[in-house]
Amino acid sequence: MDEKRLLLGDRIRQTRRARGISQIQLAEMAQISVSHMSDIETGKTNISLDVFIRIMNALQVSSDWLLQTNASDESEALDKEFTILLSDCSLTEKQLILNMAREMKKGLRTSRE
């Protein structure tokens, strides 16, 4: 099995799960069969550019995010995702999102203690 296909499939699965999307839902969103989605996630099959783009759009992530397999660069990829997310927001929206993020961070850290 091709290691790159396996890493991409794993990244798709991790992202899907983090978004709370089932494999069936993602397959429907990407307009492919559930068995094809499973084969992609397990690295058993190649993924066409068209299907890759539909999965990327369904997961609402950039191609960089899905192709990023080096954990040391993951923080940089997240920073880019935040930049993209905020790029079309007004100043007020950015302030509200920042305030929510601060509260969420505080809540996450409190719950760990």
PDB file of N, CA and C in Angstrom:
ATOM      1  N   MET A   1       0.849  -1.185   0.000  1.00  0.00           N
ATOM      2  CA  MET A   1       0.000   0.000   0.000  1.00  0.00           C
ATOM      3  C   MET A   1       0.894   1.247   0.000  1.00  0.00           C
ATOM      4  N   ASP A   2       0.504   2.225  -0.761  1.00  0.00           N
ATOM      5  CA  ASP A   2       1.250   3.468  -0.892  1.00  0.00           C
ATOM      6  C   ASP A   2       1.136   4.284   0.399  1.00  0.00           C
ATOM      7  N   GLU A   3       2.290   4.632   0.976  1.00  0.00           N
ATOM      8  CA  GLU A   3       2.307   5.365   2.251  1.00  0.00           C
ATOM      9  C   GLU A   3       1.646   6.734   2.132  1.00  0.00           C
ATOM     10  N   LYS A   4       1.831   7.410   1.006  1.00  0.00           N
ATOM     11  CA  LYS A   4       1.231   8.737   0.824  1.00  0.00           C
ATOM     12  C   LYS A   4      -0.285   8.648   0.792  1.00  0.00           C
ATOM     13  N   ARG A   5      -0.825   7.623   0.113  1.00  0.00           N
ATOM     14  CA  ARG A   5      -2.285   7.430   0.097  1.00  0.00           C
ATOM     15  C   ARG A   5      -2.798   7.149   1.496  1.00  0.00           C
ATOM     16  N   LEU A   6      -2.055   6.347   2.233  1.00  0.00           N
ATOM     17  CA  LEU A   6      -2.444   6.000   3.596  1.00  0.00           C
ATOM     18  C   LEU A   6      -2.454   7.237   4.496  1.00  0.00           C
ATOM     19  N   LEU A   7      -1.429   8.084   4.374  1.00  0.00           N
ATOM     20  CA  LEU A   7      -1.361   9.301   5.180  1.00  0.00           C
ATOM     21  C   LEU A   7      -2.484  10.277   4.827  1.00  0.00           C
ATOM     22  N   LEU A   8      -2.776  10.422   3.528  1.00  0.00           N
ATOM     23  CA  LEU A   8      -3.870  11.311   3.107  1.00  0.00           C
ATOM     24  C   LEU A   8      -5.201  10.781   3.613  1.00  0.00           C
ATOM     25  N   GLY A   9      -5.416   9.486   3.467  1.00  0.00           N
ATOM     26  CA  GLY A   9      -6.661   8.894   3.945  1.00  0.00           C
ATOM     27  C   GLY A   9      -6.839   9.066   5.438  1.00  0.00           C
ATOM     28  N   ASP A  10      -5.754   8.899   6.177  1.00  0.00           N
ATOM     29  CA  ASP A  10      -5.806   9.074   7.626  1.00  0.00           C
ATOM     30  C   ASP A  10      -6.125  10.523   7.984  1.00  0.00           C
ATOM     31  N   ARG A  11      -5.545  11.442   7.250  1.00  0.00           N
ATOM     32  CA  ARG A  11      -5.785  12.868   7.499  1.00  0.00           C
ATOM     33  C   ARG A  11      -7.250  13.226   7.214  1.00  0.00           C
ATOM     34  N   ILE A  12      -7.796  12.656   6.146  1.00  0.00           N
ATOM     35  CA  ILE A  12      -9.209  12.883   5.828  1.00  0.00           C
ATOM     36  C   ILE A  12     -10.082  12.336   6.946  1.00  0.00           C
ATOM     37  N   ARG A  13      -9.787  11.108   7.403  1.00  0.00           N
ATOM     38  CA  ARG A  13     -10.571  10.498   8.479  1.00  0.00           C
ATOM     39  C   ARG A  13     -10.490  11.313   9.768  1.00  0.00           C
ATOM     40  N   GLN A  14      -9.288  11.737  10.135  1.00  0.00           N
ATOM     41  CA  GLN A  14      -9.110  12.535  11.356  1.00  0.00           C
ATOM     42  C   GLN A  14      -9.893  13.844  11.263  1.00  0.00           C
ATOM     43  N   THR A  15      -9.819  14.487  10.124  1.00  0.00           N
ATOM     44  CA  THR A  15     -10.518  15.767   9.934  1.00  0.00           C
ATOM     45  C   THR A  15     -12.024  15.554   9.961  1.00  0.00           C
ATOM     46  N   ARG A  16     -12.483  14.501   9.292  1.00  0.00           N
ATOM     47  CA  ARG A  16     -13.919  14.182   9.283  1.00  0.00           C
ATOM     48  C   ARG A  16     -14.428  13.963  10.698  1.00  0.00           C
ATOM     49  N   ARG A  17     -13.712  13.164  11.459  1.00  0.00           N
ATOM     50  CA  ARG A  17     -14.126  12.881  12.835  1.00  0.00           C
ATOM     51  C   ARG A  17     -14.106  14.131  13.697  1.00  0.00           C
ATOM     52  N   ALA A  18     -13.080  14.960  13.512  1.00  0.00           N
ATOM     53  CA  ALA A  18     -12.987  16.199  14.288  1.00  0.00           C
ATOM     54  C   ALA A  18     -14.157  17.132  13.984  1.00  0.00           C
ATOM     55  N   ARG A  19     -14.695  17.038  12.783  1.00  0.00           N
ATOM     56  CA  ARG A  19     -15.828  17.880  12.377  1.00  0.00           C
ATOM     57  C   ARG A  19     -17.168  17.247  12.762  1.00  0.00           C
ATOM     58  N   GLY A  20     -17.125  16.027  13.294  1.00  0.00           N
ATOM     59  CA  GLY A  20     -18.355  15.346  13.698  1.00  0.00           C
ATOM     60  C   GLY A  20     -19.176  14.854  12.519  1.00  0.00           C
ATOM     61  N   ILE A  21     -18.503  14.516  11.433  1.00  0.00           N
ATOM     62  CA  ILE A  21     -19.172  14.049  10.219  1.00  0.00           C
ATOM     63  C   ILE A  21     -18.956  12.544  10.095  1.00  0.00           C
ATOM     64  N   SER A  22     -20.018  11.804   9.817  1.00  0.00           N
ATOM     65  CA  SER A  22     -19.869  10.361   9.620  1.00  0.00           C
ATOM     66  C   SER A  22     -19.289  10.089   8.237  1.00  0.00           C
ATOM     67  N   GLN A  23     -18.792   8.890   8.067  1.00  0.00           N
ATOM     68  CA  GLN A  23     -18.246   8.512   6.768  1.00  0.00           C
ATOM     69  C   GLN A  23     -19.349   8.529   5.708  1.00  0.00           C
ATOM     70  N   ILE A  24     -20.542   8.118   6.093  1.00  0.00           N
ATOM     71  CA  ILE A  24     -21.684   8.129   5.170  1.00  0.00           C
ATOM     72  C   ILE A  24     -22.007   9.555   4.746  1.00  0.00           C
ATOM     73  N   GLN A  25     -22.035  10.472   5.715  1.00  0.00           N
ATOM     74  CA  GLN A  25     -22.330  11.870   5.396  1.00  0.00           C
ATOM     75  C   GLN A  25     -21.281  12.466   4.461  1.00  0.00           C
ATOM     76  N   LEU A  26     -20.004  12.194   4.738  1.00  0.00           N
ATOM     77  CA  LEU A  26     -18.943  12.738   3.896  1.00  0.00           C
ATOM     78  C   LEU A  26     -19.034  12.159   2.484  1.00  0.00           C
ATOM     79  N   ALA A  27     -19.333  10.876   2.380  1.00  0.00           N
ATOM     80  CA  ALA A  27     -19.485  10.257   1.061  1.00  0.00           C
ATOM     81  C   ALA A  27     -20.612  10.942   0.283  1.00  0.00           C
ATOM     82  N   GLU A  28     -21.718  11.202   0.960  1.00  0.00           N
ATOM     83  CA  GLU A  28     -22.833  11.890   0.301  1.00  0.00           C
ATOM     84  C   GLU A  28     -22.439  13.302  -0.114  1.00  0.00           C
ATOM     85  N   MET A  29     -21.753  14.008   0.758  1.00  0.00           N
ATOM     86  CA  MET A  29     -21.335  15.375   0.463  1.00  0.00           C
ATOM     87  C   MET A  29     -20.356  15.415  -0.712  1.00  0.00           C
ATOM     88  N   ALA A  30     -19.510  14.396  -0.807  1.00  0.00           N
ATOM     89  CA  ALA A  30     -18.512  14.335  -1.877  1.00  0.00           C
ATOM     90  C   ALA A  30     -19.046  13.638  -3.123  1.00  0.00           C
ATOM     91  N   GLN A  31     -20.292  13.176  -3.046  1.00  0.00           N
ATOM     92  CA  GLN A  31     -20.965  12.516  -4.169  1.00  0.00           C
ATOM     93  C   GLN A  31     -20.217  11.265  -4.643  1.00  0.00           C
ATOM     94  N   ILE A  32     -19.803  10.453  -3.653  1.00  0.00           N
ATOM     95  CA  ILE A  32     -19.160   9.175  -3.953  1.00  0.00           C
ATOM     96  C   ILE A  32     -19.814   8.099  -3.091  1.00  0.00           C
ATOM     97  N   SER A  33     -19.534   6.842  -3.407  1.00  0.00           N
ATOM     98  CA  SER A  33     -20.103   5.753  -2.621  1.00  0.00           C
ATOM     99  C   SER A  33     -19.394   5.652  -1.266  1.00  0.00           C
ATOM    100  N   VAL A  34     -20.081   5.064  -0.316  1.00  0.00           N
ATOM    101  CA  VAL A  34     -19.499   4.873   1.013  1.00  0.00           C
ATOM    102  C   VAL A  34     -18.292   3.939   0.927  1.00  0.00           C
ATOM    103  N   SER A  35     -18.372   2.920   0.078  1.00  0.00           N
ATOM    104  CA  SER A  35     -17.230   1.998  -0.043  1.00  0.00           C
ATOM    105  C   SER A  35     -16.018   2.709  -0.640  1.00  0.00           C
ATOM    106  N   HIS A  36     -16.237   3.626  -1.581  1.00  0.00           N
ATOM    107  CA  HIS A  36     -15.120   4.396  -2.147  1.00  0.00           C
ATOM    108  C   HIS A  36     -14.522   5.314  -1.071  1.00  0.00           C
ATOM    109  N   MET A  37     -15.400   5.928  -0.265  1.00  0.00           N
ATOM    110  CA  MET A  37     -14.923   6.788   0.830  1.00  0.00           C
ATOM    111  C   MET A  37     -14.082   5.972   1.793  1.00  0.00           C
ATOM    112  N   SER A  38     -14.546   4.776   2.118  1.00  0.00           N
ATOM    113  CA  SER A  38     -13.798   3.899   3.016  1.00  0.00           C
ATOM    114  C   SER A  38     -12.439   3.537   2.425  1.00  0.00           C
ATOM    115  N   ASP A  39     -12.430   3.222   1.132  1.00  0.00           N
ATOM    116  CA  ASP A  39     -11.167   2.875   0.469  1.00  0.00           C
ATOM    117  C   ASP A  39     -10.199   4.058   0.449  1.00  0.00           C
ATOM    118  N   ILE A  40     -10.720   5.260   0.315  1.00  0.00           N
ATOM    119  CA  ILE A  40      -9.864   6.458   0.353  1.00  0.00           C
ATOM    120  C   ILE A  40      -9.261   6.620   1.737  1.00  0.00           C
ATOM    121  N   GLU A  41     -10.112   6.513   2.768  1.00  0.00           N
ATOM    122  CA  GLU A  41      -9.643   6.715   4.138  1.00  0.00           C
ATOM    123  C   GLU A  41      -8.649   5.650   4.581  1.00  0.00           C
ATOM    124  N   THR A  42      -8.749   4.471   4.031  1.00  0.00           N
ATOM    125  CA  THR A  42      -7.825   3.402   4.414  1.00  0.00           C
ATOM    126  C   THR A  42      -6.636   3.297   3.464  1.00  0.00           C
ATOM    127  N   GLY A  43      -6.576   4.186   2.477  1.00  0.00           N
ATOM    128  CA  GLY A  43      -5.444   4.216   1.564  1.00  0.00           C
ATOM    129  C   GLY A  43      -5.444   3.100   0.536  1.00  0.00           C
ATOM    130  N   LYS A  44      -6.585   2.456   0.328  1.00  0.00           N
ATOM    131  CA  LYS A  44      -6.660   1.331  -0.596  1.00  0.00           C
ATOM    132  C   LYS A  44      -6.801   1.754  -2.050  1.00  0.00           C
ATOM    133  N   THR A  45      -7.166   3.009  -2.271  1.00  0.00           N
ATOM    134  CA  THR A  45      -7.406   3.465  -3.639  1.00  0.00           C
ATOM    135  C   THR A  45      -6.840   4.860  -3.850  1.00  0.00           C
ATOM    136  N   ASN A  46      -6.519   5.144  -5.094  1.00  0.00           N
ATOM    137  CA  ASN A  46      -6.107   6.500  -5.444  1.00  0.00           C
ATOM    138  C   ASN A  46      -7.321   7.413  -5.415  1.00  0.00           C
ATOM    139  N   ILE A  47      -7.076   8.672  -5.218  1.00  0.00           N
ATOM    140  CA  ILE A  47      -8.150   9.657  -5.188  1.00  0.00           C
ATOM    141  C   ILE A  47      -7.952  10.599  -6.367  1.00  0.00           C
ATOM    142  N   SER A  48      -9.019  10.805  -7.118  1.00  0.00           N
ATOM    143  CA  SER A  48      -8.933  11.722  -8.251  1.00  0.00           C
ATOM    144  C   SER A  48      -8.932  13.159  -7.735  1.00  0.00           C
ATOM    145  N   LEU A  49      -8.449  14.056  -8.554  1.00  0.00           N
ATOM    146  CA  LEU A  49      -8.429  15.468  -8.173  1.00  0.00           C
ATOM    147  C   LEU A  49      -9.841  15.972  -7.924  1.00  0.00           C
ATOM    148  N   ASP A  50     -10.780  15.568  -8.747  1.00  0.00           N
ATOM    149  CA  ASP A  50     -12.166  16.000  -8.590  1.00  0.00           C
ATOM    150  C   ASP A  50     -12.740  15.569  -7.239  1.00  0.00           C
ATOM    151  N   VAL A  51     -12.519  14.321  -6.880  1.00  0.00           N
ATOM    152  CA  VAL A  51     -13.012  13.805  -5.594  1.00  0.00           C
ATOM    153  C   VAL A  51     -12.279  14.484  -4.441  1.00  0.00           C
ATOM    154  N   PHE A  52     -10.984  14.682  -4.581  1.00  0.00           N
ATOM    155  CA  PHE A  52     -10.204  15.370  -3.547  1.00  0.00           C
ATOM    156  C   PHE A  52     -10.782  16.758  -3.282  1.00  0.00           C
ATOM    157  N   ILE A  53     -11.097  17.485  -4.320  1.00  0.00           N
ATOM    158  CA  ILE A  53     -11.654  18.837  -4.170  1.00  0.00           C
ATOM    159  C   ILE A  53     -13.019  18.790  -3.502  1.00  0.00           C
ATOM    160  N   ARG A  54     -13.849  17.817  -3.873  1.00  0.00           N
ATOM    161  CA  ARG A  54     -15.175  17.707  -3.237  1.00  0.00           C
ATOM    162  C   ARG A  54     -15.051  17.369  -1.753  1.00  0.00           C
ATOM    163  N   ILE A  55     -14.104  16.501  -1.402  1.00  0.00           N
ATOM    164  CA  ILE A  55     -13.874  16.165   0.011  1.00  0.00           C
ATOM    165  C   ILE A  55     -13.345  17.390   0.754  1.00  0.00           C
ATOM    166  N   MET A  56     -12.405  18.075   0.154  1.00  0.00           N
ATOM    167  CA  MET A  56     -11.835  19.285   0.749  1.00  0.00           C
ATOM    168  C   MET A  56     -12.939  20.307   1.023  1.00  0.00           C
ATOM    169  N   ASN A  57     -13.819  20.520   0.050  1.00  0.00           N
ATOM    170  CA  ASN A  57     -14.913  21.475   0.221  1.00  0.00           C
ATOM    171  C   ASN A  57     -15.914  21.004   1.265  1.00  0.00           C
ATOM    172  N   ALA A  58     -16.203  19.714   1.276  1.00  0.00           N
ATOM    173  CA  ALA A  58     -17.148  19.168   2.254  1.00  0.00           C
ATOM    174  C   ALA A  58     -16.620  19.323   3.678  1.00  0.00           C
ATOM    175  N   LEU A  59     -15.308  19.134   3.841  1.00  0.00           N
ATOM    176  CA  LEU A  59     -14.702  19.264   5.172  1.00  0.00           C
ATOM    177  C   LEU A  59     -14.367  20.713   5.513  1.00  0.00           C
ATOM    178  N   GLN A  60     -14.505  21.596   4.524  1.00  0.00           N
ATOM    179  CA  GLN A  60     -14.219  23.024   4.690  1.00  0.00           C
ATOM    180  C   GLN A  60     -12.789  23.257   5.187  1.00  0.00           C
ATOM    181  N   VAL A  61     -11.849  22.615   4.498  1.00  0.00           N
ATOM    182  CA  VAL A  61     -10.436  22.786   4.803  1.00  0.00           C
ATOM    183  C   VAL A  61      -9.690  23.034   3.493  1.00  0.00           C
ATOM    184  N   SER A  62      -8.486  23.537   3.611  1.00  0.00           N
ATOM    185  CA  SER A  62      -7.670  23.777   2.427  1.00  0.00           C
ATOM    186  C   SER A  62      -6.978  22.487   2.008  1.00  0.00           C
ATOM    187  N   SER A  63      -6.507  22.485   0.777  1.00  0.00           N
ATOM    188  CA  SER A  63      -5.740  21.329   0.304  1.00  0.00           C
ATOM    189  C   SER A  63      -4.472  21.166   1.135  1.00  0.00           C
ATOM    190  N   ASP A  64      -3.869  22.291   1.532  1.00  0.00           N
ATOM    191  CA  ASP A  64      -2.679  22.235   2.387  1.00  0.00           C
ATOM    192  C   ASP A  64      -2.965  21.452   3.668  1.00  0.00           C
ATOM    193  N   TRP A  65      -4.112  21.710   4.245  1.00  0.00           N
ATOM    194  CA  TRP A  65      -4.479  21.054   5.505  1.00  0.00           C
ATOM    195  C   TRP A  65      -4.555  19.539   5.324  1.00  0.00           C
ATOM    196  N   LEU A  66      -5.217  19.105   4.253  1.00  0.00           N
ATOM    197  CA  LEU A  66      -5.360  17.663   4.036  1.00  0.00           C
ATOM    198  C   LEU A  66      -4.055  17.002   3.637  1.00  0.00           C
ATOM    199  N   LEU A  67      -3.222  17.723   2.927  1.00  0.00           N
ATOM    200  CA  LEU A  67      -1.967  17.135   2.471  1.00  0.00           C
ATOM    201  C   LEU A  67      -0.864  17.226   3.514  1.00  0.00           C
ATOM    202  N   GLN A  68      -1.090  18.001   4.554  1.00  0.00           N
ATOM    203  CA  GLN A  68      -0.103  18.202   5.612  1.00  0.00           C
ATOM    204  C   GLN A  68      -0.001  16.941   6.454  1.00  0.00           C
ATOM    205  N   THR A  69       1.106  16.247   6.368  1.00  0.00           N
ATOM    206  CA  THR A  69       1.273  15.020   7.144  1.00  0.00           C
ATOM    207  C   THR A  69       2.433  15.110   8.130  1.00  0.00           C
ATOM    208  N   ASN A  70       3.143  16.223   8.115  1.00  0.00           N
ATOM    209  CA  ASN A  70       4.265  16.394   9.025  1.00  0.00           C
ATOM    210  C   ASN A  70       3.767  17.115  10.278  1.00  0.00           C
ATOM    211  N   ALA A  71       3.775  16.434  11.407  1.00  0.00           N
ATOM    212  CA  ALA A  71       3.229  16.998  12.644  1.00  0.00           C
ATOM    213  C   ALA A  71       3.921  18.285  13.059  1.00  0.00           C
ATOM    214  N   SER A  72       5.204  18.430  12.756  1.00  0.00           N
ATOM    215  CA  SER A  72       5.919  19.641  13.169  1.00  0.00           C
ATOM    216  C   SER A  72       5.429  20.872  12.422  1.00  0.00           C
ATOM    217  N   ASP A  73       4.827  20.682  11.248  1.00  0.00           N
ATOM    218  CA  ASP A  73       4.302  21.798  10.468  1.00  0.00           C
ATOM    219  C   ASP A  73       2.809  22.014  10.684  1.00  0.00           C
ATOM    220  N   GLU A  74       2.199  21.194  11.521  1.00  0.00           N
ATOM    221  CA  GLU A  74       0.762  21.260  11.726  1.00  0.00           C
ATOM    222  C   GLU A  74       0.329  22.596  12.314  1.00  0.00           C
ATOM    223  N   SER A  75       1.103  23.155  13.213  1.00  0.00           N
ATOM    224  CA  SER A  75       0.756  24.441  13.808  1.00  0.00           C
ATOM    225  C   SER A  75       0.697  25.538  12.743  1.00  0.00           C
ATOM    226  N   GLU A  76       1.639  25.506  11.830  1.00  0.00           N
ATOM    227  CA  GLU A  76       1.648  26.487  10.745  1.00  0.00           C
ATOM    228  C   GLU A  76       0.407  26.327   9.859  1.00  0.00           C
ATOM    229  N   ALA A  77       0.011  25.096   9.601  1.00  0.00           N
ATOM    230  CA  ALA A  77      -1.182  24.840   8.791  1.00  0.00           C
ATOM    231  C   ALA A  77      -2.429  25.349   9.503  1.00  0.00           C
ATOM    232  N   LEU A  78      -2.488  25.161  10.823  1.00  0.00           N
ATOM    233  CA  LEU A  78      -3.617  25.679  11.596  1.00  0.00           C
ATOM    234  C   LEU A  78      -3.657  27.195  11.556  1.00  0.00           C
ATOM    235  N   ASP A  79      -2.501  27.825  11.676  1.00  0.00           N
ATOM    236  CA  ASP A  79      -2.440  29.282  11.584  1.00  0.00           C
ATOM    237  C   ASP A  79      -2.994  29.772  10.255  1.00  0.00           C
ATOM    238  N   LYS A  80      -2.649  29.075   9.183  1.00  0.00           N
ATOM    239  CA  LYS A  80      -3.155  29.442   7.857  1.00  0.00           C
ATOM    240  C   LYS A  80      -4.672  29.282   7.799  1.00  0.00           C
ATOM    241  N   GLU A  81      -5.180  28.191   8.393  1.00  0.00           N
ATOM    242  CA  GLU A  81      -6.625  27.965   8.404  1.00  0.00           C
ATOM    243  C   GLU A  81      -7.354  29.087   9.146  1.00  0.00           C
ATOM    244  N   PHE A  82      -6.792  29.512  10.289  1.00  0.00           N
ATOM    245  CA  PHE A  82      -7.398  30.628  11.025  1.00  0.00           C
ATOM    246  C   PHE A  82      -7.382  31.898  10.191  1.00  0.00           C
ATOM    247  N   THR A  83      -6.301  32.155   9.500  1.00  0.00           N
ATOM    248  CA  THR A  83      -6.192  33.339   8.651  1.00  0.00           C
ATOM    249  C   THR A  83      -7.248  33.307   7.554  1.00  0.00           C
ATOM    250  N   ILE A  84      -7.416  32.160   6.929  1.00  0.00           N
ATOM    251  CA  ILE A  84      -8.424  32.012   5.881  1.00  0.00           C
ATOM    252  C   ILE A  84      -9.823  32.199   6.451  1.00  0.00           C
ATOM    253  N   LEU A  85     -10.062  31.597   7.610  1.00  0.00           N
ATOM    254  CA  LEU A  85     -11.368  31.695   8.259  1.00  0.00           C
ATOM    255  C   LEU A  85     -11.743  33.145   8.539  1.00  0.00           C
ATOM    256  N   LEU A  86     -10.783  33.926   8.999  1.00  0.00           N
ATOM    257  CA  LEU A  86     -11.056  35.308   9.400  1.00  0.00           C
ATOM    258  C   LEU A  86     -10.953  36.313   8.254  1.00  0.00           C
ATOM    259  N   SER A  87     -10.473  35.888   7.106  1.00  0.00           N
ATOM    260  CA  SER A  87     -10.157  36.828   6.019  1.00  0.00           C
ATOM    261  C   SER A  87     -11.346  37.651   5.539  1.00  0.00           C
ATOM    262  N   ASP A  88     -12.551  37.107   5.596  1.00  0.00           N
ATOM    263  CA  ASP A  88     -13.700  37.865   5.109  1.00  0.00           C
ATOM    264  C   ASP A  88     -14.576  38.408   6.244  1.00  0.00           C
ATOM    265  N   CYS A  89     -14.063  38.387   7.462  1.00  0.00           N
ATOM    266  CA  CYS A  89     -14.823  38.879   8.618  1.00  0.00           C
ATOM    267  C   CYS A  89     -14.622  40.371   8.814  1.00  0.00           C
ATOM    268  N   SER A  90     -15.668  41.005   9.311  1.00  0.00           N
ATOM    269  CA  SER A  90     -15.556  42.422   9.680  1.00  0.00           C
ATOM    270  C   SER A  90     -14.768  42.520  10.987  1.00  0.00           C
ATOM    271  N   LEU A  91     -14.377  43.730  11.348  1.00  0.00           N
ATOM    272  CA  LEU A  91     -13.643  43.945  12.598  1.00  0.00           C
ATOM    273  C   LEU A  91     -14.474  43.477  13.786  1.00  0.00           C
ATOM    274  N   THR A  92     -15.755  43.770  13.775  1.00  0.00           N
ATOM    275  CA  THR A  92     -16.639  43.349  14.866  1.00  0.00           C
ATOM    276  C   THR A  92     -16.703  41.829  14.962  1.00  0.00           C
ATOM    277  N   GLU A  93     -16.831  41.161  13.807  1.00  0.00           N
ATOM    278  CA  GLU A  93     -16.873  39.701  13.807  1.00  0.00           C
ATOM    279  C   GLU A  93     -15.570  39.132  14.351  1.00  0.00           C
ATOM    280  N   LYS A  94     -14.452  39.702  13.940  1.00  0.00           N
ATOM    281  CA  LYS A  94     -13.151  39.232  14.428  1.00  0.00           C
ATOM    282  C   LYS A  94     -13.050  39.393  15.939  1.00  0.00           C
ATOM    283  N   GLN A  95     -13.533  40.517  16.467  1.00  0.00           N
ATOM    284  CA  GLN A  95     -13.484  40.735  17.914  1.00  0.00           C
ATOM    285  C   GLN A  95     -14.353  39.719  18.642  1.00  0.00           C
ATOM    286  N   LEU A  96     -15.542  39.442  18.116  1.00  0.00           N
ATOM    287  CA  LEU A  96     -16.423  38.455  18.738  1.00  0.00           C
ATOM    288  C   LEU A  96     -15.818  37.059  18.707  1.00  0.00           C
ATOM    289  N   ILE A  97     -15.239  36.696  17.576  1.00  0.00           N
ATOM    290  CA  ILE A  97     -14.600  35.379  17.455  1.00  0.00           C
ATOM    291  C   ILE A  97     -13.419  35.264  18.411  1.00  0.00           C
ATOM    292  N   LEU A  98     -12.631  36.327  18.530  1.00  0.00           N
ATOM    293  CA  LEU A  98     -11.503  36.333  19.451  1.00  0.00           C
ATOM    294  C   LEU A  98     -11.978  36.159  20.893  1.00  0.00           C
ATOM    295  N   ASN A  99     -13.037  36.878  21.272  1.00  0.00           N
ATOM    296  CA  ASN A  99     -13.574  36.748  22.629  1.00  0.00           C
ATOM    297  C   ASN A  99     -14.075  35.327  22.892  1.00  0.00           C
ATOM    298  N   MET A 100     -14.758  34.740  21.899  1.00  0.00           N
ATOM    299  CA  MET A 100     -15.240  33.364  22.065  1.00  0.00           C
ATOM    300  C   MET A 100     -14.073  32.399  22.188  1.00  0.00           C
ATOM    301  N   ALA A 101     -13.047  32.601  21.370  1.00  0.00           N
ATOM    302  CA  ALA A 101     -11.875  31.720  21.416  1.00  0.00           C
ATOM    303  C   ALA A 101     -11.188  31.805  22.776  1.00  0.00           C
ATOM    304  N   ARG A 102     -11.095  33.007  23.313  1.00  0.00           N
ATOM    305  CA  ARG A 102     -10.483  33.165  24.643  1.00  0.00           C
ATOM    306  C   ARG A 102     -11.264  32.393  25.698  1.00  0.00           C
ATOM    307  N   GLU A 103     -12.588  32.500  25.652  1.00  0.00           N
ATOM    308  CA  GLU A 103     -13.430  31.798  26.625  1.00  0.00           C
ATOM    309  C   GLU A 103     -13.334  30.287  26.444  1.00  0.00           C
ATOM    310  N   MET A 104     -13.306  29.837  25.207  1.00  0.00           N
ATOM    311  CA  MET A 104     -13.176  28.408  24.945  1.00  0.00           C
ATOM    312  C   MET A 104     -11.835  27.881  25.443  1.00  0.00           C
ATOM    313  N   LYS A 105     -10.785  28.639  25.202  1.00  0.00           N
ATOM    314  CA  LYS A 105      -9.449  28.236  25.654  1.00  0.00           C
ATOM    315  C   LYS A 105      -9.425  28.137  27.174  1.00  0.00           C
ATOM    316  N   LYS A 106      -9.997  29.147  27.822  1.00  0.00           N
ATOM    317  CA  LYS A 106     -10.042  29.145  29.290  1.00  0.00           C
ATOM    318  C   LYS A 106     -10.839  27.921  29.791  1.00  0.00           C
ATOM    319  N   GLY A 107     -11.965  27.642  29.155  1.00  0.00           N
ATOM    320  CA  GLY A 107     -12.773  26.493  29.523  1.00  0.00           C
ATOM    321  C   GLY A 107     -12.065  25.166  29.312  1.00  0.00           C
ATOM    322  N   LEU A 108     -11.334  25.052  28.218  1.00  0.00           N
ATOM    323  CA  LEU A 108     -10.579  23.824  27.946  1.00  0.00           C
ATOM    324  C   LEU A 108      -9.497  23.606  28.987  1.00  0.00           C
ATOM    325  N   ARG A 109      -8.822  24.662  29.307  1.00  0.00           N
ATOM    326  CA  ARG A 109      -7.727  24.527  30.286  1.00  0.00           C
ATOM    327  C   ARG A 109      -8.261  24.267  31.679  1.00  0.00           C
ATOM    328  N   THR A 110      -9.400  24.854  32.005  1.00  0.00           N
ATOM    329  CA  THR A 110     -10.018  24.622  33.307  1.00  0.00           C
ATOM    330  C   THR A 110     -10.471  23.180  33.433  1.00  0.00           C
ATOM    331  N   SER A 111     -11.041  22.646  32.350  1.00  0.00           N
ATOM    332  CA  SER A 111     -11.557  21.266  32.388  1.00  0.00           C
ATOM    333  C   SER A 111     -10.436  20.233  32.492  1.00  0.00           C
ATOM    334  N   ARG A 112      -9.246  20.569  32.080  1.00  0.00           N
ATOM    335  CA  ARG A 112      -8.107  19.654  32.175  1.00  0.00           C
ATOM    336  C   ARG A 112      -7.571  19.553  33.594  1.00  0.00           C
ATOM    337  N   GLU A 113      -7.805  20.569  34.387  1.00  0.00           N
ATOM    338  CA  GLU A 113      -7.245  20.615  35.748  1.00  0.00           C
ATOM    339  C   GLU A 113      -8.000  19.768  36.718  1.00  0.00           C
TER     340      GLU A 113
END
